[in-house]
Protein backbone atom coordinates (compact mmCIF):
# COMPACT_ATOMS: atom_id res chain seq x y z
CA MET A 1 -43.78 244.94 -72.06
CA PRO A 2 -46.09 247.49 -70.35
CA LEU A 3 -45.04 251.10 -70.78
CA VAL A 4 -44.64 251.47 -66.99
CA MET A 5 -41.97 248.76 -66.94
CA THR A 6 -40.28 250.13 -70.05
CA LEU A 7 -40.01 253.62 -68.57
CA ALA A 8 -38.78 252.25 -65.22
CA LEU A 9 -36.06 250.12 -66.83
CA ARG A 10 -34.92 252.93 -69.10
CA ASN A 11 -34.66 255.26 -66.11
CA LEU A 12 -32.53 252.69 -64.30
CA LEU A 13 -30.29 251.85 -67.26
CA GLN A 14 -29.90 255.34 -68.68
CA ASP A 15 -26.84 255.91 -66.51
CA ARG A 16 -25.45 252.41 -66.08
CA LEU A 17 -22.64 253.51 -63.78
CA ARG A 18 -25.11 255.16 -61.41
CA PHE A 19 -27.32 252.07 -61.56
CA VAL A 20 -24.38 249.79 -60.70
CA ALA A 21 -23.45 252.09 -57.81
CA ALA A 22 -27.03 252.01 -56.49
CA VAL A 23 -27.24 248.21 -56.73
CA THR A 24 -23.81 247.87 -55.09
CA GLY A 25 -25.02 249.94 -52.15
CA ILE A 26 -28.09 247.73 -51.82
CA VAL A 27 -26.00 244.53 -52.10
CA LEU A 28 -23.58 245.61 -49.36
CA SER A 29 -26.47 246.61 -47.12
CA VAL A 30 -28.32 243.33 -47.60
CA VAL A 31 -25.12 241.32 -47.09
CA LEU A 32 -24.57 243.20 -43.83
CA ILE A 33 -28.13 242.42 -42.72
CA LEU A 34 -28.01 238.74 -43.78
CA VAL A 35 -24.58 238.03 -42.28
CA GLN A 36 -25.38 239.68 -38.95
CA MET A 37 -28.78 237.98 -38.70
CA GLY A 38 -27.19 234.70 -39.85
CA LEU A 39 -24.53 235.04 -37.16
CA PHE A 40 -27.23 235.63 -34.55
CA TYR A 41 -29.21 232.61 -35.78
CA GLY A 42 -26.09 230.46 -36.05
CA PHE A 43 -25.06 231.24 -32.48
CA GLY A 44 -28.54 230.30 -31.28
CA ARG A 45 -28.35 226.99 -33.12
CA MET A 46 -24.89 226.22 -31.71
CA VAL A 47 -26.15 226.89 -28.17
CA THR A 48 -28.86 224.23 -28.53
CA LEU A 49 -26.89 221.82 -30.72
CA ILE A 50 -26.88 218.90 -28.27
CA VAL A 51 -30.54 219.34 -27.27
CA ASP A 52 -31.59 219.49 -30.93
CA HIS A 53 -29.79 216.22 -31.74
CA THR A 54 -31.01 214.20 -28.78
CA ALA A 55 -33.99 211.86 -29.09
CA ALA A 56 -35.71 212.48 -25.76
CA ASP A 57 -39.25 213.39 -24.74
CA LEU A 58 -38.07 214.94 -21.47
CA TRP A 59 -34.78 216.11 -19.97
CA ILE A 60 -34.33 215.55 -16.24
CA VAL A 61 -31.97 218.23 -14.89
CA SER A 62 -30.95 219.71 -11.55
CA LYS A 63 -33.03 222.69 -10.50
CA GLY A 64 -31.73 225.90 -12.00
CA THR A 65 -29.80 224.29 -14.87
CA GLN A 66 -29.75 226.85 -17.70
CA TYR A 67 -28.09 225.00 -20.59
CA PHE A 68 -26.46 221.69 -21.44
CA GLU A 69 -22.93 222.61 -20.34
CA ASP A 70 -24.26 224.14 -17.10
CA ILE A 71 -23.53 220.89 -15.31
CA SER A 72 -26.38 219.31 -13.42
CA ILE A 73 -25.80 216.65 -10.73
CA LEU A 74 -28.44 214.00 -10.02
CA ASP A 75 -28.64 210.90 -7.84
CA ALA A 76 -28.31 207.78 -10.00
CA GLU A 77 -31.07 206.10 -7.96
CA MET A 78 -33.59 208.51 -9.49
CA ARG A 79 -33.60 206.20 -12.49
CA GLN A 80 -35.79 203.64 -10.72
CA GLU A 81 -38.27 206.28 -9.58
CA LEU A 82 -38.46 207.85 -13.02
CA SER A 83 -38.86 204.49 -14.75
CA ALA A 84 -41.79 203.73 -12.44
CA VAL A 85 -43.78 206.73 -13.70
CA ASP A 86 -46.71 205.55 -15.81
CA GLY A 87 -46.02 206.08 -19.50
CA VAL A 88 -42.22 206.10 -19.25
CA SER A 89 -40.49 203.62 -21.56
CA GLU A 90 -36.98 204.21 -20.22
CA ALA A 91 -34.88 206.70 -18.29
CA VAL A 92 -31.44 206.89 -19.89
CA PRO A 93 -28.61 208.32 -17.73
CA VAL A 94 -26.11 210.79 -19.16
CA VAL A 95 -22.66 211.61 -17.80
CA ALA A 96 -21.14 214.88 -19.00
CA GLY A 97 -18.53 217.29 -17.76
CA PHE A 98 -15.31 219.15 -18.36
CA SER A 99 -12.04 217.26 -18.53
CA ALA A 100 -8.46 217.56 -19.79
CA TRP A 101 -7.06 216.10 -23.01
CA LEU A 102 -3.33 215.33 -23.20
CA PRO A 103 -2.15 215.18 -26.86
CA PRO A 104 0.58 212.67 -27.83
CA ASP A 105 3.10 215.49 -28.28
CA GLY A 106 2.35 217.02 -24.88
CA GLY A 107 0.27 219.92 -23.65
CA LEU A 108 -3.15 220.20 -22.05
CA ILE A 109 -6.45 220.91 -23.84
CA GLY A 110 -9.80 221.48 -22.17
CA ILE A 111 -12.58 219.22 -23.51
CA PHE A 112 -16.20 218.40 -22.71
CA ILE A 113 -16.94 214.71 -22.14
CA ILE A 114 -20.36 213.25 -23.09
CA ALA A 115 -21.44 209.66 -22.47
CA SER A 116 -24.76 207.85 -22.64
CA ASP A 117 -26.44 204.86 -24.23
CA PRO A 118 -25.50 205.38 -27.91
CA VAL A 119 -28.73 203.71 -29.07
CA GLY A 120 -31.41 205.17 -26.83
CA GLY A 121 -29.61 208.19 -25.42
CA LEU A 122 -27.15 210.81 -26.56
CA ALA A 123 -24.72 209.89 -29.32
CA PRO A 124 -22.50 211.67 -31.87
CA TRP A 125 -23.80 212.32 -35.38
CA ASN A 126 -22.21 213.25 -38.75
CA ILE A 127 -19.95 210.23 -38.32
CA VAL A 128 -17.43 209.87 -41.18
CA GLU A 129 -15.26 207.09 -39.71
CA GLY A 130 -16.24 204.27 -37.38
CA GLY A 131 -19.67 203.66 -35.87
CA LEU A 132 -21.66 203.95 -32.66
CA ASP A 133 -20.78 200.37 -31.72
CA ASP A 134 -17.14 201.41 -31.42
CA LEU A 135 -18.00 203.70 -28.50
CA ALA A 136 -19.14 200.69 -26.47
CA THR A 137 -15.49 199.70 -26.00
CA ALA A 138 -13.90 201.06 -22.83
CA GLY A 139 -11.36 203.80 -23.47
CA THR A 140 -12.72 204.64 -26.92
CA VAL A 141 -13.53 208.26 -27.77
CA SER A 142 -14.85 210.31 -30.65
CA LEU A 143 -12.87 212.97 -32.51
CA GLU A 144 -14.35 215.99 -34.27
CA ARG A 145 -12.28 216.44 -37.42
CA SER A 146 -12.13 220.24 -37.15
CA TYR A 147 -10.32 219.89 -33.79
CA ALA A 148 -7.71 217.41 -35.09
CA ASP A 149 -4.80 219.86 -35.07
CA GLN A 150 -5.73 221.17 -31.64
CA LEU A 151 -6.04 217.68 -30.10
CA GLY A 152 -2.99 216.21 -31.85
CA VAL A 153 -4.83 213.22 -33.39
CA SER A 154 -6.47 212.93 -36.79
CA ALA A 155 -7.70 209.37 -37.46
CA ARG A 156 -9.12 206.20 -35.93
CA GLY A 157 -6.67 204.14 -33.92
CA GLU A 158 -4.58 207.10 -32.77
CA THR A 159 -4.10 207.48 -29.03
CA ALA A 160 -3.94 210.21 -26.42
CA GLN A 161 -4.86 210.62 -22.75
CA VAL A 162 -7.87 212.06 -20.95
CA ARG A 163 -7.18 213.09 -17.38
CA GLY A 164 -4.28 210.64 -17.27
CA HIS A 165 -6.28 207.72 -18.74
CA PRO A 166 -5.21 206.31 -22.14
CA VAL A 167 -7.84 206.67 -24.88
CA THR A 168 -8.12 205.54 -28.50
CA VAL A 169 -9.98 207.34 -31.26
CA GLY A 170 -12.74 205.02 -32.51
CA VAL A 171 -15.16 207.47 -34.15
CA VAL A 172 -14.48 210.54 -36.29
CA THR A 173 -17.17 213.18 -36.90
CA SER A 174 -17.37 216.22 -39.16
CA GLY A 175 -19.31 219.37 -38.29
CA LEU A 176 -19.99 218.60 -34.63
CA ARG A 177 -18.42 221.70 -33.14
CA SER A 178 -18.96 223.07 -29.66
CA PHE A 179 -20.01 226.71 -29.31
CA THR A 180 -17.51 227.01 -26.44
CA THR A 181 -13.75 226.68 -26.81
CA ARG A 182 -13.86 223.08 -25.52
CA PRO A 183 -14.44 220.28 -28.06
CA TYR A 184 -17.17 217.71 -27.45
CA VAL A 185 -15.67 214.24 -26.91
CA PHE A 186 -18.07 211.29 -26.76
CA THR A 187 -17.01 208.13 -24.98
CA ASP A 188 -18.34 204.99 -23.31
CA PHE A 189 -20.46 205.42 -20.19
CA ARG A 190 -18.21 203.52 -17.78
CA SER A 191 -15.03 205.38 -18.68
CA ALA A 192 -16.73 208.79 -18.64
CA ARG A 193 -17.00 208.81 -14.85
CA SER A 194 -13.23 208.56 -14.53
CA TYR A 195 -12.69 211.26 -17.14
CA VAL A 196 -14.90 213.83 -15.36
CA GLY A 197 -14.35 212.66 -11.77
CA LEU A 198 -17.99 211.74 -11.14
CA PRO A 199 -18.75 209.12 -8.43
CA ALA A 200 -20.71 205.99 -9.35
CA ASN A 201 -23.79 207.16 -7.45
CA LEU A 202 -24.20 210.34 -9.52
CA VAL A 203 -25.14 211.19 -13.10
CA THR A 204 -25.53 214.45 -14.98
CA TYR A 205 -28.90 214.07 -16.71
CA PHE A 206 -31.63 211.57 -17.43
CA LEU A 207 -33.29 211.35 -20.82
CA ILE A 208 -36.91 210.23 -20.60
CA ARG A 209 -38.38 208.33 -23.52
CA ALA A 210 -42.14 207.89 -23.34
CA LYS A 211 -44.20 204.97 -24.50
CA PRO A 212 -46.13 205.46 -27.76
CA GLY A 213 -49.24 207.55 -27.18
CA ALA A 214 -48.25 208.58 -23.65
CA ASP A 215 -49.18 212.05 -22.38
CA ILE A 216 -45.86 213.91 -22.05
CA ALA A 217 -47.36 216.73 -19.98
CA ARG A 218 -48.80 214.24 -17.47
CA ILE A 219 -45.49 212.33 -17.27
CA ARG A 220 -43.68 215.60 -16.62
CA GLN A 221 -46.05 216.60 -13.81
CA GLU A 222 -45.96 213.18 -12.17
CA ALA A 223 -42.16 212.93 -12.39
CA GLN A 224 -41.70 216.32 -10.73
CA ALA A 225 -44.21 215.42 -8.03
CA ARG A 226 -42.60 212.06 -7.32
CA VAL A 227 -38.89 212.98 -7.48
CA SER A 228 -37.50 215.98 -5.59
CA GLY A 229 -34.48 218.12 -6.41
CA MET A 230 -34.90 218.09 -10.16
CA GLU A 231 -36.79 219.62 -13.07
CA ALA A 232 -38.38 217.82 -16.00
CA LEU A 233 -38.10 219.86 -19.20
CA THR A 234 -39.35 219.15 -22.68
CA PRO A 235 -36.73 219.65 -25.42
CA GLU A 236 -38.55 222.86 -26.40
CA GLN A 237 -38.39 224.19 -22.84
CA PHE A 238 -34.71 223.30 -22.44
CA ARG A 239 -33.96 224.88 -25.82
CA ALA A 240 -35.83 228.08 -24.91
CA ARG A 241 -34.08 228.28 -21.54
CA SER A 242 -30.65 227.86 -23.16
CA LEU A 243 -31.37 230.52 -25.77
CA ASN A 244 -32.72 232.91 -23.17
CA PHE A 245 -29.56 232.53 -21.07
CA TRP A 246 -26.98 232.89 -23.83
CA LEU A 247 -28.73 235.38 -26.10
CA TYR A 248 -30.26 237.71 -23.54
CA ARG A 249 -28.45 237.25 -20.22
CA THR A 250 -24.81 237.26 -21.33
CA GLY A 251 -22.60 239.84 -22.97
CA ALA A 252 -22.05 237.62 -26.03
CA GLY A 253 -25.76 237.36 -26.72
CA ALA A 254 -26.35 241.06 -26.13
CA ALA A 255 -23.58 241.93 -28.60
CA LEU A 256 -25.13 239.69 -31.26
CA VAL A 257 -28.60 241.14 -30.70
CA ALA A 258 -27.20 244.67 -30.91
CA GLY A 259 -25.21 243.77 -34.02
CA ALA A 260 -28.26 242.32 -35.76
CA LEU A 261 -30.39 245.36 -34.94
CA LEU A 262 -27.62 247.77 -35.93
CA SER A 263 -27.13 245.99 -39.25
CA ILE A 264 -30.82 246.43 -40.04
CA ILE A 265 -30.72 250.13 -39.14
CA VAL A 266 -27.49 250.85 -41.04
CA GLY A 267 -28.54 248.77 -44.02
CA THR A 268 -31.90 250.50 -44.12
CA VAL A 269 -30.32 253.96 -44.08
CA ILE A 270 -27.86 253.06 -46.86
CA ILE A 271 -30.59 251.60 -49.06
CA ALA A 272 -32.91 254.55 -48.49
CA GLN A 273 -30.21 257.14 -49.19
CA THR A 274 -28.92 255.31 -52.27
CA LEU A 275 -32.32 254.95 -53.91
CA TYR A 276 -33.54 258.39 -52.90
CA SER A 277 -30.51 259.97 -54.57
CA SER A 278 -30.90 257.75 -57.64
CA THR A 279 -34.58 258.61 -58.09
CA LYS A 280 -34.02 262.31 -57.45
CA GLU A 281 -31.54 262.40 -60.35
CA HIS A 282 -34.50 261.79 -62.69
CA LEU A 283 -36.58 264.56 -61.18
CA TYR A 284 -37.04 266.52 -64.40
CA GLU A 285 -37.60 263.40 -66.51
CA PHE A 286 -40.57 262.57 -64.29
CA ALA A 287 -41.72 266.18 -64.53
CA MET A 288 -41.65 265.82 -68.33
CA VAL A 289 -43.84 262.71 -68.09
CA ARG A 290 -46.29 264.68 -65.96
CA ALA A 291 -46.15 267.56 -68.43
CA ILE A 292 -47.41 265.32 -71.23
CA GLY A 293 -50.35 264.17 -69.11
CA ALA A 294 -49.22 261.28 -66.87
CA SER A 295 -51.08 261.02 -63.56
CA ASN A 296 -49.47 260.88 -60.13
CA ARG A 297 -50.62 257.26 -59.88
CA TYR A 298 -48.67 256.45 -63.04
CA ILE A 299 -45.54 257.99 -61.53
CA TYR A 300 -46.08 255.93 -58.36
CA ARG A 301 -46.22 252.72 -60.40
CA VAL A 302 -43.03 253.55 -62.29
CA ILE A 303 -41.09 254.26 -59.09
CA ALA A 304 -42.54 251.20 -57.33
CA PHE A 305 -41.38 249.01 -60.23
CA GLN A 306 -37.92 250.60 -60.10
CA ALA A 307 -37.82 249.80 -56.38
CA LEU A 308 -38.82 246.18 -57.06
CA VAL A 309 -36.11 245.75 -59.71
CA ASN A 310 -33.46 247.21 -57.41
CA ALA A 311 -34.61 245.01 -54.52
CA LEU A 312 -34.63 241.80 -56.59
CA ILE A 313 -31.21 242.37 -58.15
CA GLY A 314 -29.67 243.52 -54.89
CA LEU A 315 -31.11 240.64 -52.88
CA SER A 316 -30.12 238.02 -55.48
CA VAL A 317 -26.49 239.09 -55.54
CA ALA A 318 -26.40 239.57 -51.75
CA THR A 319 -27.86 236.10 -51.15
CA VAL A 320 -25.18 234.46 -53.31
CA ILE A 321 -22.44 236.34 -51.42
CA SER A 322 -24.01 235.49 -48.05
CA ILE A 323 -24.23 231.80 -48.92
CA GLY A 324 -20.52 231.95 -49.75
CA VAL A 325 -19.89 233.44 -46.30
CA GLU A 326 -22.02 230.68 -44.79
CA ARG A 327 -19.88 227.99 -46.41
CA LEU A 328 -16.65 229.66 -45.37
CA THR A 329 -17.79 229.79 -41.73
CA ALA A 330 -19.47 226.35 -41.63
CA THR A 331 -16.75 224.80 -39.47
CA SER A 332 -15.94 227.87 -37.40
CA VAL A 333 -16.87 228.54 -33.79
CA ALA A 334 -19.34 231.21 -34.92
CA PRO A 335 -20.99 229.93 -38.11
CA VAL A 336 -23.23 232.15 -40.22
CA ILE A 337 -26.41 230.25 -41.07
CA ILE A 338 -28.55 231.58 -43.93
CA THR A 339 -32.06 230.12 -44.02
CA PRO A 340 -34.96 230.75 -46.44
CA ALA A 341 -36.73 232.55 -43.60
CA LEU A 342 -33.80 234.96 -43.17
CA VAL A 343 -33.69 235.61 -46.91
CA ALA A 344 -37.45 236.29 -46.87
CA VAL A 345 -37.03 238.77 -44.00
CA ALA A 346 -34.14 240.48 -45.79
CA PHE A 347 -36.19 240.70 -48.98
CA ALA A 348 -39.15 242.20 -47.11
CA LEU A 349 -36.87 244.79 -45.46
CA THR A 350 -35.12 245.58 -48.74
CA LEU A 351 -38.37 245.96 -50.67
CA LEU A 352 -39.88 248.06 -47.89
CA MET A 353 -36.89 250.40 -47.85
CA CYS A 354 -36.74 250.60 -51.65
CA VAL A 355 -40.42 251.52 -51.84
CA ALA A 356 -40.15 253.91 -48.87
CA SER A 357 -37.20 255.75 -50.41
CA GLY A 358 -39.05 255.85 -53.71
CA ILE A 359 -42.09 257.37 -52.02
CA ALA A 360 -39.87 259.98 -50.36
CA SER A 361 -38.57 261.00 -53.77
CA ILE A 362 -42.11 261.04 -55.19
CA VAL A 363 -42.95 263.85 -52.78
CA ARG A 364 -40.24 265.91 -54.51
CA ILE A 365 -41.41 264.87 -57.96
CA ILE A 366 -45.07 265.80 -57.56
CA ARG A 367 -44.04 269.20 -56.18
CA VAL A 368 -42.10 270.03 -59.34
CA ASP A 369 -44.07 272.22 -61.74
CA PRO A 370 -44.36 270.28 -65.03
CA ALA A 371 -43.91 273.56 -66.88
CA SER A 372 -40.42 273.88 -65.37
CA VAL A 373 -39.07 271.39 -67.88
CA LEU A 374 -39.70 273.95 -70.62
CA THR A 375 -37.23 276.35 -69.01
CA ARG A 376 -34.31 273.91 -69.11
């Protein structure tokens, strides 16, 4: 092992209790950063959950619609005009809206109804019981397992009411949570109108599926020119609009943004202070190394390696803890999602702060007179 690494490791392990304390400070800081950033990322993913899981080349929405639950109302006759646009394979109608669920044991629960062609439109995923064909039967609905206690049903075949209409659970999903307090309930297209009170001449959205090789941008322009009172959005545009609304134009989003930024600032300060204090404790040891002829560059390399070791150990432990938090929150309303990209960002921040705090302590070290060690 190179002498630089040997000296760095011995410095770190000389006082094991101090080393553990330093690593603990780094771990807590990185966990704070990862969890807050993961919460921010998880909220963003929940906001666009439906858009991300819908196979559509274009979304047709009412003008001004900001996100999926921001109900849009369209004339059902638009379907013929949209289907006539060159390059369009099909225009699939979607009915969605808020409704009321009446559990078997009484009460009233707010839900969000979604209905479309389960093959070419919008359909539930993560199905653990039943199949998409079951939703073709009138009065059949889906149940998200995590809402079973709230809705008073837990398995296929159990019954309840939606807005006074009897319904039967035909499909059970797992992990399909709404980011609002109202569960998503998928059902057949015909029954959905009764559940949300939508007349037969209206729909909520149209999903445009293009023919192979068709120019999506041209279809979008032609559709907007031909049909008035609507907007044609690509999934990317609808996703960006939803994120912009919830993350930057609402109090919830602003709080998450502030929390993520604050976690980075606080974590950075803790890491810097912890490592600066740790390195400063070895001030005279480094002065001794300089006294026997080591260059400033050599000292820089030793401290940089110490910073790297601290960063790697701290990040490794923090990542394991954060993944545990991710699993614990997987079925919650506000899941923490830890991705490789987030871990990479956290590592870059941790390493940067470790090196920066090391450099700050170097300034003290190179100012110490090597001869001072002889007076101790």
